[in-house]
Amino acid sequence: LPRHAAVAAYLHERDGDLATAARLYAEAAQKA
């Protein structure tokens, strides 16, 4: 889904998993 990776990144960041969040933000950027 569009922006699925961005939403997952935001929630992982809030949960403290910065490595997963950073990876997902980068993935979301490629699909923006």
Full PDB file with SEQRES, HELIX, SHEET, SSBOND, CRYST1, ORIGX, SCALE, CONECT and MASTER records, all heavy atoms in Angstrom:
SEQRES   1 A   32  LEU PRO ARG HIS ALA ALA VAL ALA ALA TYR LEU HIS GLU          
SEQRES   2 A   32  ARG ASP GLY ASP LEU ALA THR ALA ALA ARG LEU TYR ALA          
SEQRES   3 A   32  GLU ALA ALA GLN LYS ALA                                      
HELIX    1 AA1 HIS A    4  ARG A   14  1                                  11    
HELIX    2 AA2 LEU A   18  LYS A   31  1                                  14    
CRYST1    1.000    1.000    1.000  90.00  90.00  90.00 P 1           1          
ORIGX1      1.000000  0.000000  0.000000        0.00000                         
ORIGX2      0.000000  1.000000  0.000000        0.00000                         
ORIGX3      0.000000  0.000000  1.000000        0.00000                         
SCALE1      1.000000  0.000000  0.000000        0.00000                         
SCALE2      0.000000  1.000000  0.000000        0.00000                         
SCALE3      0.000000  0.000000  1.000000        0.00000                         
ATOM      1  N   LEU A   1       0.835  -1.202   0.000  1.00  0.00           N  
ATOM      2  CA  LEU A   1       0.000   0.000   0.000  1.00  0.00           C  
ATOM      3  C   LEU A   1       0.871   1.253   0.000  1.00  0.00           C  
ATOM      4  O   LEU A   1       1.898   1.297   0.700  1.00  0.00           O  
ATOM      5  CB  LEU A   1      -0.893   0.031   1.239  1.00  0.00           C  
ATOM      6  CG  LEU A   1      -2.224  -0.704   1.199  1.00  0.00           C  
ATOM      7  CD1 LEU A   1      -2.858  -0.695   2.584  1.00  0.00           C  
ATOM      8  CD2 LEU A   1      -3.148  -0.062   0.182  1.00  0.00           C  
ATOM      9  N   PRO A   2       0.507   2.293  -0.742  1.00  0.00           N  
ATOM     10  CA  PRO A   2       1.257   3.550  -0.672  1.00  0.00           C  
ATOM     11  C   PRO A   2       1.328   4.050   0.764  1.00  0.00           C  
ATOM     12  O   PRO A   2       0.337   4.035   1.491  1.00  0.00           O  
ATOM     13  CB  PRO A   2       0.430   4.494  -1.556  1.00  0.00           C  
ATOM     14  CG  PRO A   2      -0.284   3.601  -2.506  1.00  0.00           C  
ATOM     15  CD  PRO A   2      -0.595   2.347  -1.728  1.00  0.00           C  
ATOM     16  N   ARG A   3       2.497   4.457   1.174  1.00  0.00           N  
ATOM     17  CA  ARG A   3       2.781   5.027   2.499  1.00  0.00           C  
ATOM     18  C   ARG A   3       2.728   3.988   3.632  1.00  0.00           C  
ATOM     19  O   ARG A   3       2.841   4.355   4.793  1.00  0.00           O  
ATOM     20  CB  ARG A   3       1.859   6.206   2.807  1.00  0.00           C  
ATOM     21  CG  ARG A   3       2.034   7.363   1.825  1.00  0.00           C  
ATOM     22  CD  ARG A   3       1.216   8.591   2.216  1.00  0.00           C  
ATOM     23  NE  ARG A   3       1.554   9.723   1.351  1.00  0.00           N  
ATOM     24  CZ  ARG A   3       0.942  10.001   0.204  1.00  0.00           C  
ATOM     25  NH1 ARG A   3      -0.041   9.230  -0.221  1.00  0.00           N  
ATOM     26  NH2 ARG A   3       1.306  11.046  -0.533  1.00  0.00           N  
ATOM     27  N   HIS A   4       2.573   2.710   3.291  1.00  0.00           N  
ATOM     28  CA  HIS A   4       2.603   1.680   4.333  1.00  0.00           C  
ATOM     29  C   HIS A   4       3.957   1.681   5.036  1.00  0.00           C  
ATOM     30  O   HIS A   4       4.030   1.626   6.282  1.00  0.00           O  
ATOM     31  CB  HIS A   4       2.318   0.301   3.723  1.00  0.00           C  
ATOM     32  CG  HIS A   4       2.230  -0.810   4.723  1.00  0.00           C  
ATOM     33  ND1 HIS A   4       3.342  -1.356   5.342  1.00  0.00           N  
ATOM     34  CD2 HIS A   4       1.156  -1.485   5.225  1.00  0.00           C  
ATOM     35  CE1 HIS A   4       2.969  -2.311   6.167  1.00  0.00           C  
ATOM     36  NE2 HIS A   4       1.645  -2.418   6.125  1.00  0.00           N  
ATOM     37  N   ALA A   5       5.028   1.748   4.260  1.00  0.00           N  
ATOM     38  CA  ALA A   5       6.367   1.733   4.856  1.00  0.00           C  
ATOM     39  C   ALA A   5       6.590   2.959   5.736  1.00  0.00           C  
ATOM     40  O   ALA A   5       7.222   2.866   6.797  1.00  0.00           O  
ATOM     41  CB  ALA A   5       7.432   1.675   3.762  1.00  0.00           C  
ATOM     42  N   ALA A   6       6.065   4.119   5.335  1.00  0.00           N  
ATOM     43  CA  ALA A   6       6.232   5.337   6.129  1.00  0.00           C  
ATOM     44  C   ALA A   6       5.502   5.217   7.465  1.00  0.00           C  
ATOM     45  O   ALA A   6       6.019   5.632   8.516  1.00  0.00           O  
ATOM     46  CB  ALA A   6       5.722   6.545   5.345  1.00  0.00           C  
ATOM     47  N   VAL A   7       4.293   4.666   7.433  1.00  0.00           N  
ATOM     48  CA  VAL A   7       3.535   4.469   8.674  1.00  0.00           C  
ATOM     49  C   VAL A   7       4.261   3.482   9.588  1.00  0.00           C  
ATOM     50  O   VAL A   7       4.409   3.723  10.797  1.00  0.00           O  
ATOM     51  CB  VAL A   7       2.107   3.972   8.356  1.00  0.00           C  
ATOM     52  CG1 VAL A   7       1.401   3.513   9.638  1.00  0.00           C  
ATOM     53  CG2 VAL A   7       1.309   5.073   7.678  1.00  0.00           C  
ATOM     54  N   ALA A   8       4.732   2.374   9.019  1.00  0.00           N  
ATOM     55  CA  ALA A   8       5.463   1.384   9.814  1.00  0.00           C  
ATOM     56  C   ALA A   8       6.726   1.995  10.411  1.00  0.00           C  
ATOM     57  O   ALA A   8       7.061   1.743  11.581  1.00  0.00           O  
ATOM     58  CB  ALA A   8       5.808   0.178   8.947  1.00  0.00           C  
ATOM     59  N   ALA A   9       7.421   2.814   9.626  1.00  0.00           N  
ATOM     60  CA  ALA A   9       8.634   3.467  10.127  1.00  0.00           C  
ATOM     61  C   ALA A   9       8.318   4.359  11.325  1.00  0.00           C  
ATOM     62  O   ALA A   9       9.025   4.329  12.349  1.00  0.00           O  
ATOM     63  CB  ALA A   9       9.272   4.285   9.012  1.00  0.00           C  
ATOM     64  N   TYR A  10       7.272   5.150  11.210  1.00  0.00           N  
ATOM     65  CA  TYR A  10       6.895   6.062  12.300  1.00  0.00           C  
ATOM     66  C   TYR A  10       6.560   5.283  13.575  1.00  0.00           C  
ATOM     67  O   TYR A  10       7.014   5.632  14.677  1.00  0.00           O  
ATOM     68  CB  TYR A  10       5.695   6.899  11.866  1.00  0.00           C  
ATOM     69  CG  TYR A  10       5.114   7.752  12.962  1.00  0.00           C  
ATOM     70  CD1 TYR A  10       5.777   8.897  13.413  1.00  0.00           C  
ATOM     71  CD2 TYR A  10       3.908   7.405  13.559  1.00  0.00           C  
ATOM     72  CE1 TYR A  10       5.249   9.673  14.437  1.00  0.00           C  
ATOM     73  CE2 TYR A  10       3.368   8.177  14.579  1.00  0.00           C  
ATOM     74  CZ  TYR A  10       4.033   9.304  15.013  1.00  0.00           C  
ATOM     75  OH  TYR A  10       3.515  10.084  16.028  1.00  0.00           O  
ATOM     76  N   LEU A  11       5.795   4.202  13.422  1.00  0.00           N  
ATOM     77  CA  LEU A  11       5.402   3.429  14.602  1.00  0.00           C  
ATOM     78  C   LEU A  11       6.594   2.697  15.214  1.00  0.00           C  
ATOM     79  O   LEU A  11       6.720   2.612  16.441  1.00  0.00           O  
ATOM     80  CB  LEU A  11       4.297   2.445  14.215  1.00  0.00           C  
ATOM     81  CG  LEU A  11       2.952   3.095  13.851  1.00  0.00           C  
ATOM     82  CD1 LEU A  11       1.995   2.057  13.274  1.00  0.00           C  
ATOM     83  CD2 LEU A  11       2.330   3.778  15.058  1.00  0.00           C  
ATOM     84  N   HIS A  12       7.494   2.182  14.375  1.00  0.00           N  
ATOM     85  CA  HIS A  12       8.699   1.529  14.904  1.00  0.00           C  
ATOM     86  C   HIS A  12       9.587   2.550  15.623  1.00  0.00           C  
ATOM     87  O   HIS A  12      10.182   2.226  16.661  1.00  0.00           O  
ATOM     88  CB  HIS A  12       9.475   0.851  13.774  1.00  0.00           C  
ATOM     89  CG  HIS A  12       8.972  -0.520  13.439  1.00  0.00           C  
ATOM     90  ND1 HIS A  12       9.103  -1.594  14.301  1.00  0.00           N  
ATOM     91  CD2 HIS A  12       8.324  -1.000  12.338  1.00  0.00           C  
ATOM     92  CE1 HIS A  12       8.581  -2.668  13.742  1.00  0.00           C  
ATOM     93  NE2 HIS A  12       8.092  -2.344  12.560  1.00  0.00           N  
ATOM     94  N   GLU A  13       9.673   3.761  15.091  1.00  0.00           N  
ATOM     95  CA  GLU A  13      10.465   4.786  15.779  1.00  0.00           C  
ATOM     96  C   GLU A  13       9.872   5.089  17.150  1.00  0.00           C  
ATOM     97  O   GLU A  13      10.593   5.192  18.150  1.00  0.00           O  
ATOM     98  CB  GLU A  13      10.527   6.067  14.946  1.00  0.00           C  
ATOM     99  CG  GLU A  13      11.340   7.162  15.641  1.00  0.00           C  
ATOM    100  CD  GLU A  13      11.360   8.479  14.877  1.00  0.00           C  
ATOM    101  OE1 GLU A  13      10.785   8.533  13.775  1.00  0.00           O  
ATOM    102  OE2 GLU A  13      11.938   9.449  15.402  1.00  0.00           O  
ATOM    103  N   ARG A  14       8.570   5.244  17.213  1.00  0.00           N  
ATOM    104  CA  ARG A  14       7.928   5.528  18.499  1.00  0.00           C  
ATOM    105  C   ARG A  14       8.107   4.364  19.474  1.00  0.00           C  
ATOM    106  O   ARG A  14       8.129   4.559  20.699  1.00  0.00           O  
ATOM    107  CB  ARG A  14       6.439   5.796  18.299  1.00  0.00           C  
ATOM    108  CG  ARG A  14       6.150   7.140  17.650  1.00  0.00           C  
ATOM    109  CD  ARG A  14       4.722   7.568  17.902  1.00  0.00           C  
ATOM    110  NE  ARG A  14       4.463   7.651  19.320  1.00  0.00           N  
ATOM    111  CZ  ARG A  14       3.310   7.297  19.911  1.00  0.00           C  
ATOM    112  NH1 ARG A  14       2.327   6.809  19.183  1.00  0.00           N  
ATOM    113  NH2 ARG A  14       3.153   7.392  21.213  1.00  0.00           N  
ATOM    114  N   ASP A  15       8.266   3.160  18.927  1.00  0.00           N  
ATOM    115  CA  ASP A  15       8.463   1.976  19.775  1.00  0.00           C  
ATOM    116  C   ASP A  15       9.920   1.788  20.162  1.00  0.00           C  
ATOM    117  O   ASP A  15      10.256   0.846  20.884  1.00  0.00           O  
ATOM    118  CB  ASP A  15       7.944   0.734  19.043  1.00  0.00           C  
ATOM    119  CG  ASP A  15       7.778  -0.463  19.967  1.00  0.00           C  
ATOM    120  OD1 ASP A  15       7.325  -0.275  21.120  1.00  0.00           O  
ATOM    121  OD2 ASP A  15       8.094  -1.583  19.541  1.00  0.00           O  
ATOM    122  N   GLY A  16      10.813   2.659  19.647  1.00  0.00           N  
ATOM    123  CA  GLY A  16      12.216   2.602  20.031  1.00  0.00           C  
ATOM    124  C   GLY A  16      13.103   1.770  19.136  1.00  0.00           C  
ATOM    125  O   GLY A  16      14.314   1.669  19.382  1.00  0.00           O  
ATOM    126  N   ASP A  17      12.555   1.177  18.066  1.00  0.00           N  
ATOM    127  CA  ASP A  17      13.354   0.356  17.142  1.00  0.00           C  
ATOM    128  C   ASP A  17      13.869   1.257  16.018  1.00  0.00           C  
ATOM    129  O   ASP A  17      13.312   1.306  14.919  1.00  0.00           O  
ATOM    130  CB  ASP A  17      12.492  -0.777  16.582  1.00  0.00           C  
ATOM    131  CG  ASP A  17      13.290  -1.766  15.744  1.00  0.00           C  
ATOM    132  OD1 ASP A  17      14.479  -1.486  15.453  1.00  0.00           O  
ATOM    133  OD2 ASP A  17      12.723  -2.804  15.349  1.00  0.00           O  
ATOM    134  N   LEU A  18      14.968   1.970  16.295  1.00  0.00           N  
ATOM    135  CA  LEU A  18      15.461   2.977  15.361  1.00  0.00           C  
ATOM    136  C   LEU A  18      16.050   2.362  14.097  1.00  0.00           C  
ATOM    137  O   LEU A  18      15.932   2.943  13.013  1.00  0.00           O  
ATOM    138  CB  LEU A  18      16.516   3.847  16.052  1.00  0.00           C  
ATOM    139  CG  LEU A  18      16.062   4.584  17.322  1.00  0.00           C  
ATOM    140  CD1 LEU A  18      17.132   5.572  17.764  1.00  0.00           C  
ATOM    141  CD2 LEU A  18      14.738   5.300  17.099  1.00  0.00           C  
ATOM    142  N   ALA A  19      16.669   1.203  14.207  1.00  0.00           N  
ATOM    143  CA  ALA A  19      17.274   0.575  13.024  1.00  0.00           C  
ATOM    144  C   ALA A  19      16.193   0.203  12.014  1.00  0.00           C  
ATOM    145  O   ALA A  19      16.313   0.487  10.806  1.00  0.00           O  
ATOM    146  CB  ALA A  19      18.071  -0.662  13.435  1.00  0.00           C  
ATOM    147  N   THR A  20      15.126  -0.449  12.479  1.00  0.00           N  
ATOM    148  CA  THR A  20      14.033  -0.817  11.579  1.00  0.00           C  
ATOM    149  C   THR A  20      13.356   0.427  11.022  1.00  0.00           C  
ATOM    150  O   THR A  20      13.021   0.491   9.828  1.00  0.00           O  
ATOM    151  CB  THR A  20      13.004  -1.690  12.311  1.00  0.00           C  
ATOM    152  OG1 THR A  20      13.649  -2.876  12.776  1.00  0.00           O  
ATOM    153  CG2 THR A  20      11.851  -2.057  11.394  1.00  0.00           C  
ATOM    154  N   ALA A  21      13.167   1.422  11.867  1.00  0.00           N  
ATOM    155  CA  ALA A  21      12.513   2.649  11.427  1.00  0.00           C  
ATOM    156  C   ALA A  21      13.323   3.343  10.341  1.00  0.00           C  
ATOM    157  O   ALA A  21      12.771   3.798   9.328  1.00  0.00           O  
ATOM    158  CB  ALA A  21      12.300   3.586  12.604  1.00  0.00           C  
ATOM    159  N   ALA A  22      14.640   3.425  10.516  1.00  0.00           N  
ATOM    160  CA  ALA A  22      15.491   4.075   9.519  1.00  0.00           C  
ATOM    161  C   ALA A  22      15.415   3.338   8.183  1.00  0.00           C  
ATOM    162  O   ALA A  22      15.325   3.963   7.119  1.00  0.00           O  
ATOM    163  CB  ALA A  22      16.933   4.139  10.020  1.00  0.00           C  
ATOM    164  N   ARG A  23      15.455   2.010   8.244  1.00  0.00           N  
ATOM    165  CA  ARG A  23      15.371   1.225   7.010  1.00  0.00           C  
ATOM    166  C   ARG A  23      14.036   1.452   6.302  1.00  0.00           C  
ATOM    167  O   ARG A  23      13.983   1.624   5.076  1.00  0.00           O  
ATOM    168  CB  ARG A  23      15.558  -0.259   7.336  1.00  0.00           C  
ATOM    169  CG  ARG A  23      15.373  -1.172   6.129  1.00  0.00           C  
ATOM    170  CD  ARG A  23      15.574  -2.632   6.500  1.00  0.00           C  
ATOM    171  NE  ARG A  23      14.675  -3.081   7.538  1.00  0.00           N  
ATOM    172  CZ  ARG A  23      13.388  -3.407   7.333  1.00  0.00           C  
ATOM    173  NH1 ARG A  23      12.878  -3.323   6.097  1.00  0.00           N  
ATOM    174  NH2 ARG A  23      12.628  -3.811   8.329  1.00  0.00           N  
ATOM    175  N   LEU A  24      12.975   1.491   7.067  1.00  0.00           N  
ATOM    176  CA  LEU A  24      11.647   1.675   6.472  1.00  0.00           C  
ATOM    177  C   LEU A  24      11.448   3.094   5.938  1.00  0.00           C  
ATOM    178  O   LEU A  24      10.794   3.289   4.909  1.00  0.00           O  
ATOM    179  CB  LEU A  24      10.567   1.341   7.505  1.00  0.00           C  
ATOM    180  CG  LEU A  24      10.414  -0.148   7.826  1.00  0.00           C  
ATOM    181  CD1 LEU A  24       9.514  -0.357   9.035  1.00  0.00           C  
ATOM    182  CD2 LEU A  24       9.850  -0.898   6.612  1.00  0.00           C  
ATOM    183  N   TYR A  25      12.014   4.086   6.620  1.00  0.00           N  
ATOM    184  CA  TYR A  25      11.944   5.451   6.089  1.00  0.00           C  
ATOM    185  C   TYR A  25      12.650   5.545   4.732  1.00  0.00           C  
ATOM    186  O   TYR A  25      12.144   6.175   3.795  1.00  0.00           O  
ATOM    187  CB  TYR A  25      12.582   6.450   7.055  1.00  0.00           C  
ATOM    188  CG  TYR A  25      11.670   6.942   8.149  1.00  0.00           C  
ATOM    189  CD1 TYR A  25      12.079   6.934   9.484  1.00  0.00           C  
ATOM    190  CD2 TYR A  25      10.393   7.447   7.865  1.00  0.00           C  
ATOM    191  CE1 TYR A  25      11.249   7.402  10.497  1.00  0.00           C  
ATOM    192  CE2 TYR A  25       9.565   7.915   8.868  1.00  0.00           C  
ATOM    193  CZ  TYR A  25       9.992   7.888  10.186  1.00  0.00           C  
ATOM    194  OH  TYR A  25       9.174   8.353  11.179  1.00  0.00           O  
ATOM    195  N   ALA A  26      13.792   4.904   4.625  1.00  0.00           N  
ATOM    196  CA  ALA A  26      14.527   4.911   3.349  1.00  0.00           C  
ATOM    197  C   ALA A  26      13.735   4.191   2.264  1.00  0.00           C  
ATOM    198  O   ALA A  26      13.677   4.637   1.106  1.00  0.00           O  
ATOM    199  CB  ALA A  26      15.898   4.264   3.537  1.00  0.00           C  
ATOM    200  N   GLU A  27      13.105   3.079   2.635  1.00  0.00           N  
ATOM    201  CA  GLU A  27      12.277   2.339   1.679  1.00  0.00           C  
ATOM    202  C   GLU A  27      11.077   3.179   1.240  1.00  0.00           C  
ATOM    203  O   GLU A  27      10.726   3.219   0.059  1.00  0.00           O  
ATOM    204  CB  GLU A  27      11.788   1.044   2.334  1.00  0.00           C  
ATOM    205  CG  GLU A  27      10.875   0.198   1.471  1.00  0.00           C  
ATOM    206  CD  GLU A  27      10.367  -1.022   2.220  1.00  0.00           C  
ATOM    207  OE1 GLU A  27      11.152  -1.599   3.016  1.00  0.00           O  
ATOM    208  OE2 GLU A  27       9.189  -1.394   2.036  1.00  0.00           O  
ATOM    209  N   ALA A  28      10.461   3.866   2.195  1.00  0.00           N  
ATOM    210  CA  ALA A  28       9.313   4.709   1.878  1.00  0.00           C  
ATOM    211  C   ALA A  28       9.710   5.858   0.963  1.00  0.00           C  
ATOM    212  O   ALA A  28       8.944   6.264   0.079  1.00  0.00           O  
ATOM    213  CB  ALA A  28       8.690   5.241   3.161  1.00  0.00           C  
ATOM    214  N   ALA A  29      10.918   6.405   1.167  1.00  0.00           N  
ATOM    215  CA  ALA A  29      11.380   7.515   0.329  1.00  0.00           C  
ATOM    216  C   ALA A  29      11.474   7.104  -1.136  1.00  0.00           C  
ATOM    217  O   ALA A  29      11.152   7.884  -2.038  1.00  0.00           O  
ATOM    218  CB  ALA A  29      12.727   8.017   0.833  1.00  0.00           C  
ATOM    219  N   GLN A  30      11.901   5.874  -1.380  1.00  0.00           N  
ATOM    220  CA  GLN A  30      12.017   5.394  -2.760  1.00  0.00           C  
ATOM    221  C   GLN A  30      10.661   5.283  -3.446  1.00  0.00           C  
ATOM    222  O   GLN A  30      10.565   5.381  -4.668  1.00  0.00           O  
ATOM    223  CB  GLN A  30      12.715   4.034  -2.779  1.00  0.00           C  
ATOM    224  CG  GLN A  30      14.165   4.079  -2.303  1.00  0.00           C  
ATOM    225  CD  GLN A  30      14.801   2.692  -2.270  1.00  0.00           C  
ATOM    226  OE1 GLN A  30      14.112   1.681  -2.378  1.00  0.00           O  
ATOM    227  NE2 GLN A  30      16.115   2.654  -2.128  1.00  0.00           N  
ATOM    228  N   LYS A  31       9.598   5.100  -2.672  1.00  0.00           N  
ATOM    229  CA  LYS A  31       8.250   4.937  -3.225  1.00  0.00           C  
ATOM    230  C   LYS A  31       7.422   6.214  -3.149  1.00  0.00           C  
ATOM    231  O   LYS A  31       6.249   6.201  -3.541  1.00  0.00           O  
ATOM    232  CB  LYS A  31       7.512   3.828  -2.467  1.00  0.00           C  
ATOM    233  CG  LYS A  31       8.205   2.471  -2.488  1.00  0.00           C  
ATOM    234  CD  LYS A  31       7.435   1.472  -1.634  1.00  0.00           C  
ATOM    235  CE  LYS A  31       8.110   0.118  -1.616  1.00  0.00           C  
ATOM    236  NZ  LYS A  31       7.389  -0.847  -0.734  1.00  0.00           N  
ATOM    237  N   ALA A  32       7.984   7.298  -2.653  1.00  0.00           N  
ATOM    238  CA  ALA A  32       7.214   8.530  -2.430  1.00  0.00           C  
ATOM    239  C   ALA A  32       6.640   9.057  -3.739  1.00  0.00           C  
ATOM    240  O   ALA A  32       7.311   9.037  -4.774  1.00  0.00           O  
ATOM    241  CB  ALA A  32       8.094   9.587  -1.782  1.00  0.00           C  
TER     242      ALA A  32                                                      
MASTER        0    0    0    2    0    0    0    6  241    1    0    3          
END                                                                             
